[in-house]
N, C-alpha and C. Protein backbone atom coordinates (compact mmCIF):
# COMPACT_ATOMS: atom_id res chain seq x y z
N MET A 1 67.53 108.58 91.37
CA MET A 1 67.51 109.60 90.35
C MET A 1 67.79 108.97 89.00
N PHE A 2 67.50 109.68 87.94
CA PHE A 2 67.78 109.19 86.59
C PHE A 2 68.39 110.32 85.78
N THR A 3 69.12 109.92 84.75
CA THR A 3 69.63 110.89 83.79
C THR A 3 69.40 110.33 82.39
N GLU A 4 69.21 111.24 81.46
CA GLU A 4 69.12 110.83 80.06
C GLU A 4 70.54 110.57 79.57
N SER A 5 70.72 109.48 78.88
CA SER A 5 72.03 109.14 78.33
C SER A 5 71.88 108.85 76.84
N LEU A 6 72.99 108.64 76.19
CA LEU A 6 73.01 108.26 74.77
C LEU A 6 72.33 109.29 73.87
N LYS A 7 72.44 110.55 74.22
CA LYS A 7 71.80 111.61 73.43
C LYS A 7 72.36 111.71 72.01
N GLU A 8 73.54 111.15 71.80
CA GLU A 8 74.15 111.22 70.47
C GLU A 8 73.51 110.28 69.46
N TYR A 9 72.60 109.41 69.92
CA TYR A 9 71.94 108.46 69.03
C TYR A 9 70.48 108.87 68.82
N PRO A 10 70.11 109.26 67.60
CA PRO A 10 68.72 109.67 67.37
C PRO A 10 67.72 108.51 67.38
N ASP A 11 68.23 107.28 67.26
CA ASP A 11 67.35 106.12 67.19
C ASP A 11 67.30 105.31 68.50
N ILE A 12 67.82 105.91 69.58
CA ILE A 12 67.83 105.24 70.88
C ILE A 12 67.46 106.24 71.97
N VAL A 13 66.69 105.76 72.94
CA VAL A 13 66.45 106.52 74.16
C VAL A 13 67.30 105.85 75.23
N GLY A 14 68.13 106.62 75.90
CA GLY A 14 68.98 106.09 76.96
C GLY A 14 68.59 106.66 78.31
N ILE A 15 68.44 105.78 79.30
CA ILE A 15 68.10 106.20 80.66
C ILE A 15 69.05 105.49 81.61
N ALA A 16 69.70 106.24 82.48
CA ALA A 16 70.56 105.67 83.51
C ALA A 16 69.94 105.96 84.87
N CYS A 17 69.68 104.91 85.64
CA CYS A 17 69.06 105.06 86.96
C CYS A 17 70.11 104.84 88.03
N GLU A 18 70.05 105.67 89.08
CA GLU A 18 71.03 105.58 90.16
C GLU A 18 70.31 105.74 91.49
N GLY A 19 70.63 104.88 92.42
CA GLY A 19 69.99 104.95 93.73
C GLY A 19 68.55 104.50 93.64
N SER A 20 67.73 105.12 94.47
CA SER A 20 66.31 104.78 94.55
C SER A 20 65.49 105.76 93.71
N LEU A 21 64.56 105.23 92.91
CA LEU A 21 63.71 106.09 92.09
C LEU A 21 62.47 106.52 92.87
N THR A 22 62.10 107.79 92.72
CA THR A 22 60.92 108.36 93.37
C THR A 22 59.83 108.59 92.33
N ASP A 23 58.66 108.99 92.81
CA ASP A 23 57.57 109.35 91.89
C ASP A 23 58.00 110.48 90.95
N ASP A 24 58.73 111.46 91.48
CA ASP A 24 59.21 112.57 90.63
C ASP A 24 60.14 112.06 89.53
N ASP A 25 61.00 111.10 89.87
CA ASP A 25 61.88 110.52 88.86
C ASP A 25 61.07 109.85 87.76
N LEU A 26 60.08 109.07 88.16
CA LEU A 26 59.26 108.37 87.16
C LEU A 26 58.48 109.35 86.30
N TYR A 27 58.02 110.45 86.89
CA TYR A 27 57.34 111.48 86.10
C TYR A 27 58.31 112.03 85.05
N GLY A 28 59.55 112.30 85.46
CA GLY A 28 60.55 112.80 84.53
C GLY A 28 60.87 111.80 83.43
N ILE A 29 60.95 110.52 83.80
CA ILE A 29 61.20 109.47 82.80
C ILE A 29 60.05 109.42 81.80
N HIS A 30 58.83 109.52 82.31
CA HIS A 30 57.66 109.47 81.42
C HIS A 30 57.67 110.64 80.44
N ILE A 31 58.00 111.83 80.92
CA ILE A 31 58.09 113.01 80.04
C ILE A 31 59.18 112.79 78.99
N LEU A 32 60.34 112.29 79.41
CA LEU A 32 61.43 112.01 78.48
C LEU A 32 60.99 111.02 77.40
N LEU A 33 60.30 109.96 77.81
CA LEU A 33 59.83 108.98 76.84
C LEU A 33 58.84 109.60 75.85
N GLN A 34 57.90 110.40 76.36
CA GLN A 34 56.92 111.05 75.49
C GLN A 34 57.61 111.94 74.47
N GLU A 35 58.57 112.75 74.92
CA GLU A 35 59.27 113.66 74.02
C GLU A 35 60.09 112.88 72.98
N SER A 36 60.75 111.83 73.42
CA SER A 36 61.57 111.03 72.51
C SER A 36 60.72 110.31 71.48
N LEU A 37 59.59 109.80 71.90
CA LEU A 37 58.71 109.07 70.99
C LEU A 37 58.03 110.00 69.98
N ALA A 38 57.94 111.28 70.31
CA ALA A 38 57.35 112.24 69.37
C ALA A 38 58.27 112.47 68.17
N SER A 39 59.57 112.20 68.34
CA SER A 39 60.51 112.46 67.25
C SER A 39 61.09 111.19 66.61
N ALA A 40 60.78 110.03 67.15
CA ALA A 40 61.31 108.78 66.58
C ALA A 40 60.27 107.68 66.70
N HIS A 41 60.04 106.96 65.61
CA HIS A 41 59.08 105.86 65.61
C HIS A 41 59.77 104.58 66.09
N GLN A 42 59.30 104.02 67.16
CA GLN A 42 59.81 102.80 67.76
C GLN A 42 61.34 102.76 67.86
N PRO A 43 61.91 103.70 68.61
CA PRO A 43 63.36 103.67 68.81
C PRO A 43 63.74 102.50 69.72
N GLY A 44 65.03 102.24 69.82
CA GLY A 44 65.51 101.30 70.82
C GLY A 44 65.54 102.01 72.17
N LEU A 45 65.53 101.25 73.23
CA LEU A 45 65.60 101.79 74.59
C LEU A 45 66.71 101.06 75.33
N VAL A 46 67.63 101.82 75.93
CA VAL A 46 68.70 101.25 76.75
C VAL A 46 68.55 101.82 78.15
N VAL A 47 68.34 100.93 79.12
CA VAL A 47 68.16 101.34 80.51
C VAL A 47 69.34 100.79 81.31
N ASP A 48 70.14 101.68 81.88
CA ASP A 48 71.29 101.28 82.69
C ASP A 48 70.87 101.25 84.15
N LEU A 49 70.83 100.04 84.71
CA LEU A 49 70.44 99.85 86.11
C LEU A 49 71.62 99.43 86.97
N SER A 50 72.84 99.65 86.49
CA SER A 50 74.01 99.18 87.22
C SER A 50 74.19 99.88 88.57
N ARG A 51 73.59 101.05 88.75
CA ARG A 51 73.67 101.77 90.03
C ARG A 51 72.30 101.93 90.69
N PHE A 52 71.33 101.23 90.18
CA PHE A 52 69.95 101.30 90.66
C PHE A 52 69.80 100.42 91.90
N THR A 53 69.11 100.97 92.92
CA THR A 53 68.92 100.21 94.16
C THR A 53 67.47 99.86 94.45
N GLY A 54 66.52 100.45 93.71
CA GLY A 54 65.12 100.10 93.93
C GLY A 54 64.21 101.31 93.81
N TYR A 55 63.01 101.15 94.34
CA TYR A 55 61.99 102.20 94.30
C TYR A 55 61.79 102.74 95.70
N SER A 56 61.41 104.00 95.80
CA SER A 56 61.27 104.64 97.11
C SER A 56 60.15 104.04 97.94
N ASP A 57 59.12 103.49 97.30
CA ASP A 57 58.00 102.87 98.02
C ASP A 57 57.18 102.03 97.05
N PRO A 58 56.25 101.23 97.56
CA PRO A 58 55.44 100.36 96.68
C PRO A 58 54.62 101.14 95.64
N GLU A 59 54.15 102.33 95.99
CA GLU A 59 53.37 103.11 95.04
C GLU A 59 54.23 103.54 93.84
N THR A 60 55.49 103.81 94.09
CA THR A 60 56.40 104.18 93.01
C THR A 60 56.60 103.00 92.07
N PHE A 61 56.72 101.80 92.63
CA PHE A 61 56.82 100.61 91.78
C PHE A 61 55.55 100.45 90.94
N SER A 62 54.40 100.69 91.53
CA SER A 62 53.13 100.61 90.79
C SER A 62 53.12 101.60 89.63
N GLU A 63 53.64 102.80 89.86
CA GLU A 63 53.72 103.81 88.80
C GLU A 63 54.65 103.34 87.68
N TYR A 64 55.75 102.69 88.06
CA TYR A 64 56.68 102.13 87.07
C TYR A 64 55.95 101.12 86.18
N VAL A 65 55.18 100.24 86.77
CA VAL A 65 54.43 99.24 85.99
C VAL A 65 53.43 99.93 85.07
N ARG A 66 52.77 100.98 85.56
CA ARG A 66 51.81 101.72 84.74
C ARG A 66 52.50 102.34 83.52
N ILE A 67 53.67 102.92 83.71
CA ILE A 67 54.41 103.51 82.59
C ILE A 67 54.83 102.43 81.60
N ASP A 68 55.26 101.27 82.12
CA ASP A 68 55.60 100.15 81.23
C ASP A 68 54.41 99.76 80.36
N ILE A 69 53.25 99.69 80.96
CA ILE A 69 52.05 99.29 80.22
C ILE A 69 51.70 100.34 79.17
N ILE A 70 51.80 101.61 79.52
CA ILE A 70 51.50 102.68 78.57
C ILE A 70 52.40 102.58 77.34
N HIS A 71 53.66 102.24 77.55
CA HIS A 71 54.65 102.23 76.47
C HIS A 71 54.99 100.83 75.98
N TRP A 72 54.09 99.88 76.18
CA TRP A 72 54.39 98.48 75.89
C TRP A 72 54.69 98.20 74.42
N ASN A 73 54.24 99.05 73.53
CA ASN A 73 54.45 98.81 72.10
C ASN A 73 55.23 99.94 71.43
N ASP A 74 55.89 100.77 72.21
CA ASP A 74 56.54 101.96 71.66
C ASP A 74 57.99 101.77 71.24
N PHE A 75 58.63 100.69 71.68
CA PHE A 75 60.05 100.50 71.42
C PHE A 75 60.29 99.23 70.62
N SER A 76 61.29 99.28 69.75
CA SER A 76 61.62 98.10 68.94
C SER A 76 62.38 97.07 69.77
N ARG A 77 63.34 97.53 70.53
CA ARG A 77 64.15 96.66 71.39
C ARG A 77 64.44 97.39 72.70
N ILE A 78 64.51 96.63 73.76
CA ILE A 78 64.82 97.19 75.07
C ILE A 78 66.00 96.43 75.64
N ALA A 79 67.10 97.14 75.86
CA ALA A 79 68.30 96.56 76.46
C ALA A 79 68.40 97.04 77.91
N ILE A 80 68.54 96.10 78.82
CA ILE A 80 68.69 96.42 80.24
C ILE A 80 70.13 96.10 80.62
N VAL A 81 70.83 97.08 81.18
CA VAL A 81 72.23 96.91 81.59
C VAL A 81 72.29 96.94 83.11
N GLY A 82 72.97 95.95 83.70
CA GLY A 82 73.07 95.93 85.15
C GLY A 82 74.09 94.94 85.66
N ASP A 83 74.40 95.04 86.93
CA ASP A 83 75.38 94.17 87.56
C ASP A 83 74.78 92.91 88.16
N GLN A 84 73.58 93.02 88.66
CA GLN A 84 72.99 91.90 89.38
C GLN A 84 72.40 90.89 88.42
N LYS A 85 72.76 89.64 88.60
CA LYS A 85 72.26 88.57 87.74
C LYS A 85 70.75 88.43 87.85
N TRP A 86 70.17 88.82 89.00
CA TRP A 86 68.72 88.70 89.16
C TRP A 86 67.97 89.59 88.18
N MET A 87 68.66 90.57 87.60
CA MET A 87 67.99 91.42 86.61
C MET A 87 67.60 90.63 85.38
N GLU A 88 68.35 89.58 85.08
CA GLU A 88 68.01 88.73 83.94
C GLU A 88 66.62 88.13 84.13
N LEU A 89 66.31 87.71 85.35
CA LEU A 89 64.98 87.19 85.65
C LEU A 89 63.95 88.31 85.52
N GLY A 90 64.29 89.52 85.99
CA GLY A 90 63.39 90.65 85.87
C GLY A 90 63.06 90.98 84.42
N VAL A 91 64.05 90.86 83.54
CA VAL A 91 63.83 91.10 82.12
C VAL A 91 62.86 90.06 81.57
N ALA A 92 63.04 88.81 81.99
CA ALA A 92 62.15 87.75 81.52
C ALA A 92 60.71 88.03 81.94
N VAL A 93 60.52 88.48 83.17
CA VAL A 93 59.18 88.80 83.66
C VAL A 93 58.63 90.03 82.93
N ALA A 94 59.45 91.08 82.80
CA ALA A 94 59.01 92.33 82.16
C ALA A 94 58.68 92.13 80.69
N SER A 95 59.26 91.13 80.08
CA SER A 95 58.99 90.91 78.65
C SER A 95 57.52 90.59 78.40
N PHE A 96 56.80 90.20 79.44
CA PHE A 96 55.37 89.97 79.28
C PHE A 96 54.58 91.28 79.22
N LEU A 97 55.22 92.41 79.58
CA LEU A 97 54.56 93.71 79.58
C LEU A 97 54.81 94.49 78.29
N THR A 98 55.56 93.92 77.36
CA THR A 98 55.91 94.65 76.16
C THR A 98 55.96 93.73 74.94
N ARG A 99 55.75 94.31 73.79
CA ARG A 99 55.94 93.57 72.54
C ARG A 99 57.38 93.68 72.06
N ALA A 100 58.14 94.59 72.64
CA ALA A 100 59.52 94.80 72.22
C ALA A 100 60.37 93.59 72.61
N GLU A 101 61.38 93.35 71.79
CA GLU A 101 62.36 92.32 72.14
C GLU A 101 63.20 92.87 73.29
N MET A 102 63.42 92.06 74.31
CA MET A 102 64.18 92.51 75.48
C MET A 102 65.39 91.61 75.69
N ARG A 103 66.46 92.24 76.21
CA ARG A 103 67.67 91.47 76.52
C ARG A 103 68.41 92.13 77.66
N TRP A 104 69.00 91.32 78.51
CA TRP A 104 69.79 91.79 79.64
C TRP A 104 71.26 91.76 79.28
N PHE A 105 72.02 92.79 79.69
CA PHE A 105 73.46 92.88 79.47
C PHE A 105 74.15 93.18 80.78
N ASP A 106 75.31 92.58 81.00
CA ASP A 106 76.10 92.88 82.18
C ASP A 106 76.62 94.32 82.07
N ALA A 107 76.94 94.93 83.21
CA ALA A 107 77.38 96.32 83.22
C ALA A 107 78.59 96.56 82.31
N GLY A 108 79.44 95.58 82.15
CA GLY A 108 80.60 95.72 81.28
C GLY A 108 80.27 95.61 79.80
N GLU A 109 79.02 95.36 79.49
CA GLU A 109 78.60 95.18 78.10
C GLU A 109 77.72 96.33 77.60
N ALA A 110 77.91 97.52 78.15
CA ALA A 110 77.06 98.66 77.80
C ALA A 110 77.12 98.98 76.30
N GLU A 111 78.31 98.93 75.71
CA GLU A 111 78.43 99.22 74.27
C GLU A 111 77.69 98.18 73.43
N GLN A 112 77.77 96.92 73.84
CA GLN A 112 77.04 95.87 73.13
C GLN A 112 75.53 96.08 73.25
N ALA A 113 75.09 96.57 74.40
CA ALA A 113 73.66 96.85 74.59
C ALA A 113 73.18 97.92 73.62
N VAL A 114 73.98 98.98 73.46
CA VAL A 114 73.62 100.05 72.53
C VAL A 114 73.58 99.51 71.11
N ASP A 115 74.61 98.77 70.72
CA ASP A 115 74.64 98.20 69.36
C ASP A 115 73.43 97.30 69.12
N TRP A 116 73.10 96.46 70.09
CA TRP A 116 71.97 95.55 69.94
C TRP A 116 70.66 96.33 69.83
N ALA A 117 70.47 97.34 70.67
CA ALA A 117 69.23 98.13 70.65
C ALA A 117 69.05 98.88 69.34
N ARG A 118 70.13 99.24 68.70
CA ARG A 118 70.06 99.99 67.44
C ARG A 118 69.70 99.10 66.26
N ARG A 119 69.87 97.80 66.36
CA ARG A 119 69.60 96.88 65.26
C ARG A 119 68.16 96.39 65.32
N ALA A 120 67.24 97.23 65.01
CA ALA A 120 65.82 96.85 65.07
C ALA A 120 65.37 96.25 63.76
């Protein structure tokens, strides 16, 4: 599941993912991104994956990649927050799908991630 976070910042879209994401979750994320982008030009994006465990199936992962491609130029900076060090490698790979500057932050660095994403 996912929840919108960081609503107090008009220049950032915040998404917190928990457990396994389904197609319905990704549809909701896509709607949230569309609505947020309608009111802010190239905001920062902060994605908290500290409680994320994966995707419900391979098709859901494919949908995630499709959404990334659709929004590849929509954000100024993308901060990924998580506990697993392997996410740093994932950020490096995902950076090929976007023009936005990307950076990985440890779960204890959530505030630094927000500050970094806001400095576009």
